[in-house]
Amino acid sequence: QVQLVESGGGLVQAGGSLRLSCAASGRTFSSSVFAWFRQAPGLEREFVAVISGSGGTTDYADSVKGRFTISRDNTKNMVYLQMNSLKPEDTAVYYCNADTVAINHRLGGRYWGQGTQVTVSS
């Protein structure tokens, strides 16, 4: 069982930055794949970024490439999403997601956090 707790959301002006954190519990942290998804009001949840267990492999949605960076600290059981050059269209609830196998970018993995709100004002 993996428990995920996100933090770091908030209100920021367009062009600003935020760093989201995901604290994970469970024995399989270092071998688990982690991802961030987001869901804006009235829209379906969408994939944002994913990182491998070692942290050596990452992938991003086209909409955030070059602006967002996913990282992890296996010594602290933490996963991060650094978000720069934020746009109003980045406004959404952001969810941390994890699994011990590859994460499907449409469905997500088995374990989800409760989400953290990110609001970008224009």
N, C-alpha and C. Protein backbone atom coordinates (compact mmCIF):
# COMPACT_ATOMS: atom_id res chain seq x y z
N GLN A 1 0.84 -1.19 0.00
CA GLN A 1 0.00 0.00 0.00
C GLN A 1 0.88 1.24 0.00
N VAL A 2 0.50 2.21 -0.79
CA VAL A 2 1.25 3.46 -0.87
C VAL A 2 0.30 4.61 -0.55
N GLN A 3 0.71 5.49 0.33
CA GLN A 3 -0.07 6.69 0.63
C GLN A 3 0.67 7.91 0.12
N LEU A 4 -0.07 8.81 -0.50
CA LEU A 4 0.52 9.98 -1.13
C LEU A 4 -0.14 11.24 -0.59
N VAL A 5 0.67 12.23 -0.24
CA VAL A 5 0.14 13.49 0.26
C VAL A 5 0.82 14.63 -0.48
N GLU A 6 0.01 15.40 -1.22
CA GLU A 6 0.55 16.53 -1.97
C GLU A 6 0.53 17.81 -1.13
N SER A 7 1.42 18.71 -1.49
CA SER A 7 1.43 20.04 -0.89
C SER A 7 2.09 21.01 -1.86
N GLY A 8 1.96 22.30 -1.57
CA GLY A 8 2.65 23.30 -2.37
C GLY A 8 1.79 24.06 -3.35
N GLY A 9 0.52 23.70 -3.46
CA GLY A 9 -0.35 24.44 -4.36
C GLY A 9 -0.64 25.83 -3.83
N GLY A 10 -1.28 26.64 -4.67
CA GLY A 10 -1.62 27.99 -4.25
C GLY A 10 -2.00 28.86 -5.42
N LEU A 11 -2.05 30.14 -5.14
CA LEU A 11 -2.39 31.14 -6.15
C LEU A 11 -1.13 31.87 -6.59
N VAL A 12 -0.92 31.96 -7.89
CA VAL A 12 0.26 32.62 -8.42
C VAL A 12 -0.12 33.38 -9.69
N GLN A 13 0.60 34.45 -9.96
CA GLN A 13 0.35 35.20 -11.18
C GLN A 13 0.97 34.50 -12.38
N ALA A 14 0.42 34.75 -13.54
CA ALA A 14 0.98 34.21 -14.77
C ALA A 14 2.45 34.60 -14.88
N GLY A 15 3.26 33.63 -15.29
CA GLY A 15 4.70 33.84 -15.38
C GLY A 15 5.45 33.44 -14.13
N GLY A 16 4.72 33.19 -13.06
CA GLY A 16 5.34 32.81 -11.80
C GLY A 16 5.66 31.33 -11.72
N SER A 17 6.12 30.92 -10.54
CA SER A 17 6.55 29.55 -10.32
C SER A 17 5.94 29.00 -9.04
N LEU A 18 5.79 27.70 -9.02
CA LEU A 18 5.39 26.95 -7.83
C LEU A 18 6.12 25.62 -7.85
N ARG A 19 6.34 25.07 -6.66
CA ARG A 19 6.87 23.72 -6.57
C ARG A 19 5.92 22.87 -5.76
N LEU A 20 5.41 21.84 -6.39
CA LEU A 20 4.55 20.88 -5.69
C LEU A 20 5.40 19.77 -5.12
N SER A 21 4.98 19.29 -3.97
CA SER A 21 5.66 18.17 -3.32
C SER A 21 4.67 17.04 -3.09
N CYS A 22 5.19 15.83 -3.14
CA CYS A 22 4.39 14.64 -2.87
C CYS A 22 5.17 13.77 -1.90
N ALA A 23 4.64 13.64 -0.70
CA ALA A 23 5.24 12.78 0.32
C ALA A 23 4.63 11.40 0.21
N ALA A 24 5.48 10.40 0.09
CA ALA A 24 4.99 9.04 -0.12
C ALA A 24 5.41 8.13 1.03
N SER A 25 4.53 7.24 1.40
CA SER A 25 4.85 6.21 2.39
C SER A 25 4.79 4.86 1.72
N GLY A 26 5.48 3.91 2.28
CA GLY A 26 5.47 2.57 1.69
C GLY A 26 6.87 2.07 1.43
N ARG A 27 7.04 0.78 1.49
CA ARG A 27 8.36 0.17 1.37
C ARG A 27 8.89 0.17 -0.05
N THR A 28 8.02 0.36 -1.03
CA THR A 28 8.43 0.20 -2.43
C THR A 28 8.74 1.54 -3.09
N PHE A 29 9.00 2.59 -2.29
CA PHE A 29 9.15 3.92 -2.88
C PHE A 29 10.22 3.96 -3.96
N SER A 30 11.40 3.45 -3.66
CA SER A 30 12.52 3.61 -4.60
C SER A 30 12.33 2.84 -5.89
N SER A 31 11.45 1.87 -5.89
CA SER A 31 11.20 1.10 -7.11
C SER A 31 9.90 1.49 -7.79
N SER A 32 9.20 2.45 -7.22
CA SER A 32 7.91 2.87 -7.77
C SER A 32 8.06 3.97 -8.80
N VAL A 33 7.18 3.94 -9.76
CA VAL A 33 7.08 5.00 -10.75
C VAL A 33 6.10 6.04 -10.21
N PHE A 34 6.44 7.30 -10.38
CA PHE A 34 5.58 8.38 -9.92
C PHE A 34 5.21 9.30 -11.07
N ALA A 35 4.02 9.87 -10.97
CA ALA A 35 3.55 10.79 -12.01
C ALA A 35 2.73 11.90 -11.37
N TRP A 36 2.57 12.95 -12.12
CA TRP A 36 1.65 14.02 -11.77
C TRP A 36 0.57 14.09 -12.86
N PHE A 37 -0.65 14.21 -12.42
CA PHE A 37 -1.79 14.45 -13.29
C PHE A 37 -2.47 15.73 -12.82
N ARG A 38 -3.33 16.27 -13.66
CA ARG A 38 -4.10 17.45 -13.25
C ARG A 38 -5.49 17.37 -13.84
N GLN A 39 -6.40 18.06 -13.17
CA GLN A 39 -7.78 18.12 -13.66
C GLN A 39 -8.33 19.52 -13.44
N ALA A 40 -8.69 20.16 -14.54
CA ALA A 40 -9.31 21.47 -14.49
C ALA A 40 -10.83 21.31 -14.46
N PRO A 41 -11.54 22.30 -13.95
CA PRO A 41 -13.00 22.21 -13.88
C PRO A 41 -13.63 21.92 -15.23
N GLY A 42 -14.48 20.92 -15.27
CA GLY A 42 -15.19 20.60 -16.50
C GLY A 42 -14.40 19.81 -17.51
N LEU A 43 -13.15 19.51 -17.17
CA LEU A 43 -12.30 18.77 -18.10
C LEU A 43 -11.90 17.43 -17.51
N GLU A 44 -11.44 16.55 -18.37
CA GLU A 44 -10.96 15.26 -17.90
C GLU A 44 -9.57 15.41 -17.28
N ARG A 45 -9.27 14.50 -16.41
CA ARG A 45 -7.93 14.46 -15.84
C ARG A 45 -6.91 14.19 -16.94
N GLU A 46 -5.77 14.87 -16.85
CA GLU A 46 -4.76 14.68 -17.89
C GLU A 46 -3.38 14.46 -17.28
N PHE A 47 -2.59 13.73 -18.01
CA PHE A 47 -1.21 13.43 -17.63
C PHE A 47 -0.36 14.69 -17.73
N VAL A 48 0.54 14.87 -16.76
CA VAL A 48 1.45 16.00 -16.77
C VAL A 48 2.90 15.55 -16.92
N ALA A 49 3.34 14.66 -16.04
CA ALA A 49 4.75 14.23 -16.05
C ALA A 49 4.88 12.91 -15.33
N VAL A 50 5.95 12.17 -15.65
CA VAL A 50 6.22 10.89 -15.02
C VAL A 50 7.72 10.74 -14.83
N ILE A 51 8.10 9.99 -13.77
CA ILE A 51 9.50 9.75 -13.49
C ILE A 51 9.70 8.31 -13.08
N SER A 52 10.78 7.72 -13.52
CA SER A 52 11.07 6.32 -13.21
C SER A 52 11.56 6.17 -11.78
N GLY A 53 11.68 4.91 -11.34
CA GLY A 53 12.11 4.65 -9.98
C GLY A 53 13.47 5.23 -9.64
N SER A 54 14.39 5.14 -10.58
CA SER A 54 15.74 5.68 -10.36
C SER A 54 15.80 7.18 -10.56
N GLY A 55 14.78 7.72 -11.21
CA GLY A 55 14.80 9.14 -11.56
C GLY A 55 15.50 9.42 -12.87
N GLY A 56 16.01 8.40 -13.51
CA GLY A 56 16.79 8.61 -14.72
C GLY A 56 15.97 8.83 -15.97
N THR A 57 14.71 8.49 -15.90
CA THR A 57 13.84 8.65 -17.07
C THR A 57 12.63 9.47 -16.70
N THR A 58 12.35 10.48 -17.51
CA THR A 58 11.18 11.32 -17.30
C THR A 58 10.46 11.53 -18.63
N ASP A 59 9.21 11.90 -18.53
CA ASP A 59 8.43 12.22 -19.72
C ASP A 59 7.41 13.28 -19.33
N TYR A 60 7.06 14.10 -20.31
CA TYR A 60 6.17 15.23 -20.03
C TYR A 60 5.08 15.35 -21.09
N ALA A 61 3.97 15.91 -20.69
CA ALA A 61 2.97 16.31 -21.66
C ALA A 61 3.52 17.44 -22.49
N ASP A 62 3.14 17.49 -23.75
CA ASP A 62 3.64 18.55 -24.64
C ASP A 62 3.34 19.94 -24.08
N SER A 63 2.21 20.06 -23.40
CA SER A 63 1.78 21.37 -22.92
C SER A 63 2.66 21.93 -21.81
N VAL A 64 3.48 21.09 -21.19
CA VAL A 64 4.31 21.57 -20.07
C VAL A 64 5.80 21.40 -20.34
N LYS A 65 6.17 20.80 -21.44
CA LYS A 65 7.59 20.59 -21.75
C LYS A 65 8.33 21.92 -21.77
N GLY A 66 9.49 21.91 -21.13
CA GLY A 66 10.30 23.12 -21.09
C GLY A 66 9.92 24.06 -19.96
N ARG A 67 8.79 23.82 -19.31
CA ARG A 67 8.34 24.68 -18.21
C ARG A 67 8.29 23.92 -16.88
N PHE A 68 7.92 22.66 -16.92
CA PHE A 68 7.79 21.86 -15.70
C PHE A 68 8.93 20.85 -15.62
N THR A 69 9.34 20.54 -14.39
CA THR A 69 10.36 19.54 -14.16
C THR A 69 9.93 18.63 -13.02
N ILE A 70 9.90 17.32 -13.28
CA ILE A 70 9.59 16.34 -12.24
C ILE A 70 10.90 15.79 -11.70
N SER A 71 10.95 15.60 -10.40
CA SER A 71 12.16 15.04 -9.78
C SER A 71 11.75 14.24 -8.55
N ARG A 72 12.70 13.51 -8.00
CA ARG A 72 12.41 12.71 -6.82
C ARG A 72 13.65 12.64 -5.95
N ASP A 73 13.42 12.45 -4.66
CA ASP A 73 14.49 12.25 -3.70
C ASP A 73 14.20 10.95 -2.98
N ASN A 74 14.88 9.90 -3.37
CA ASN A 74 14.60 8.58 -2.80
C ASN A 74 15.07 8.45 -1.34
N THR A 75 15.88 9.37 -0.90
CA THR A 75 16.32 9.34 0.51
C THR A 75 15.25 9.94 1.42
N LYS A 76 14.35 10.72 0.84
CA LYS A 76 13.31 11.38 1.62
C LYS A 76 11.91 10.90 1.27
N ASN A 77 11.80 9.98 0.35
CA ASN A 77 10.49 9.52 -0.13
C ASN A 77 9.64 10.69 -0.63
N MET A 78 10.26 11.54 -1.43
CA MET A 78 9.57 12.72 -1.92
C MET A 78 9.65 12.79 -3.44
N VAL A 79 8.59 13.30 -4.04
CA VAL A 79 8.55 13.58 -5.47
C VAL A 79 8.12 15.04 -5.62
N TYR A 80 8.70 15.71 -6.60
CA TYR A 80 8.45 17.13 -6.77
C TYR A 80 8.02 17.45 -8.21
N LEU A 81 7.31 18.54 -8.33
CA LEU A 81 7.00 19.08 -9.65
C LEU A 81 7.28 20.58 -9.61
N GLN A 82 8.39 20.97 -10.22
CA GLN A 82 8.74 22.39 -10.32
C GLN A 82 8.04 22.96 -11.54
N MET A 83 7.24 23.98 -11.31
CA MET A 83 6.44 24.57 -12.39
C MET A 83 6.86 26.02 -12.58
N ASN A 84 7.41 26.32 -13.74
CA ASN A 84 7.85 27.67 -14.07
C ASN A 84 7.02 28.21 -15.23
N SER A 85 7.11 29.52 -15.40
CA SER A 85 6.39 30.18 -16.50
C SER A 85 4.92 29.75 -16.55
N LEU A 86 4.30 29.78 -15.40
CA LEU A 86 2.92 29.30 -15.31
C LEU A 86 1.96 30.15 -16.12
N LYS A 87 0.96 29.48 -16.66
CA LYS A 87 -0.06 30.11 -17.49
C LYS A 87 -1.44 29.90 -16.84
N PRO A 88 -2.38 30.76 -17.15
CA PRO A 88 -3.73 30.55 -16.60
C PRO A 88 -4.29 29.17 -16.94
N GLU A 89 -3.93 28.63 -18.08
CA GLU A 89 -4.43 27.31 -18.47
C GLU A 89 -3.80 26.17 -17.66
N ASP A 90 -2.84 26.47 -16.83
CA ASP A 90 -2.28 25.47 -15.91
C ASP A 90 -3.14 25.33 -14.66
N THR A 91 -4.12 26.18 -14.50
CA THR A 91 -5.00 26.12 -13.34
C THR A 91 -5.72 24.78 -13.29
N ALA A 92 -5.58 24.08 -12.18
CA ALA A 92 -6.17 22.74 -12.03
C ALA A 92 -5.88 22.22 -10.63
N VAL A 93 -6.52 21.12 -10.30
CA VAL A 93 -6.11 20.33 -9.14
C VAL A 93 -5.04 19.36 -9.62
N TYR A 94 -3.92 19.35 -8.95
CA TYR A 94 -2.79 18.50 -9.33
C TYR A 94 -2.72 17.30 -8.38
N TYR A 95 -2.59 16.13 -8.98
CA TYR A 95 -2.59 14.89 -8.22
C TYR A 95 -1.27 14.15 -8.39
N CYS A 96 -0.76 13.65 -7.29
CA CYS A 96 0.39 12.75 -7.31
C CYS A 96 -0.13 11.33 -7.51
N ASN A 97 0.59 10.57 -8.31
CA ASN A 97 0.15 9.23 -8.69
C ASN A 97 1.34 8.28 -8.66
N ALA A 98 1.11 7.04 -8.28
CA ALA A 98 2.21 6.10 -8.17
C ALA A 98 1.77 4.69 -8.49
N ASP A 99 2.74 3.90 -8.89
CA ASP A 99 2.51 2.48 -9.09
C ASP A 99 3.86 1.77 -9.10
N THR A 100 3.82 0.46 -8.92
CA THR A 100 5.05 -0.32 -8.97
C THR A 100 5.34 -0.81 -10.38
N VAL A 101 4.45 -0.51 -11.30
CA VAL A 101 4.64 -0.85 -12.71
C VAL A 101 4.51 0.45 -13.52
N ALA A 102 4.75 0.33 -14.81
CA ALA A 102 4.66 1.51 -15.67
C ALA A 102 3.26 2.15 -15.56
N ILE A 103 3.23 3.46 -15.55
CA ILE A 103 1.98 4.19 -15.41
C ILE A 103 1.40 4.54 -16.77
N ASN A 104 0.18 4.12 -16.99
CA ASN A 104 -0.54 4.47 -18.22
C ASN A 104 -0.86 5.96 -18.18
N HIS A 105 -0.49 6.67 -19.23
CA HIS A 105 -0.66 8.13 -19.23
C HIS A 105 -2.12 8.56 -19.30
N ARG A 106 -2.98 7.67 -19.67
CA ARG A 106 -4.40 8.04 -19.73
C ARG A 106 -5.12 7.64 -18.45
N LEU A 107 -4.79 6.47 -17.92
CA LEU A 107 -5.53 5.95 -16.76
C LEU A 107 -4.85 6.26 -15.44
N GLY A 108 -3.54 6.42 -15.44
CA GLY A 108 -2.80 6.60 -14.21
C GLY A 108 -2.53 5.28 -13.53
N GLY A 109 -1.74 5.34 -12.46
CA GLY A 109 -1.42 4.15 -11.68
C GLY A 109 -2.43 3.91 -10.58
N ARG A 110 -2.11 2.95 -9.70
CA ARG A 110 -3.07 2.51 -8.69
C ARG A 110 -3.27 3.50 -7.55
N TYR A 111 -2.23 4.24 -7.20
CA TYR A 111 -2.29 5.04 -5.97
C TYR A 111 -2.37 6.53 -6.28
N TRP A 112 -3.27 7.20 -5.58
CA TRP A 112 -3.51 8.63 -5.82
C TRP A 112 -3.47 9.41 -4.51
N GLY A 113 -2.98 10.64 -4.60
CA GLY A 113 -3.10 11.56 -3.48
C GLY A 113 -4.43 12.27 -3.54
N GLN A 114 -4.63 13.17 -2.59
CA GLN A 114 -5.92 13.87 -2.50
C GLN A 114 -5.98 15.10 -3.41
N GLY A 115 -4.85 15.53 -3.90
CA GLY A 115 -4.80 16.66 -4.82
C GLY A 115 -4.49 17.97 -4.13
N THR A 116 -3.90 18.88 -4.89
CA THR A 116 -3.61 20.22 -4.39
C THR A 116 -3.97 21.22 -5.50
N GLN A 117 -4.64 22.30 -5.10
CA GLN A 117 -5.14 23.27 -6.07
C GLN A 117 -4.04 24.23 -6.49
N VAL A 118 -3.92 24.41 -7.80
CA VAL A 118 -3.04 25.42 -8.37
C VAL A 118 -3.89 26.38 -9.18
N THR A 119 -3.80 27.66 -8.86
CA THR A 119 -4.56 28.67 -9.57
C THR A 119 -3.60 29.72 -10.10
N VAL A 120 -3.65 29.95 -11.41
CA VAL A 120 -2.78 30.92 -12.04
C VAL A 120 -3.64 32.07 -12.56
N SER A 121 -3.40 33.26 -12.04
CA SER A 121 -4.19 34.42 -12.44
C SER A 121 -3.51 35.15 -13.60
N SER A 122 -4.32 35.73 -14.44
CA SER A 122 -3.77 36.44 -15.61
C SER A 122 -3.49 37.89 -15.30
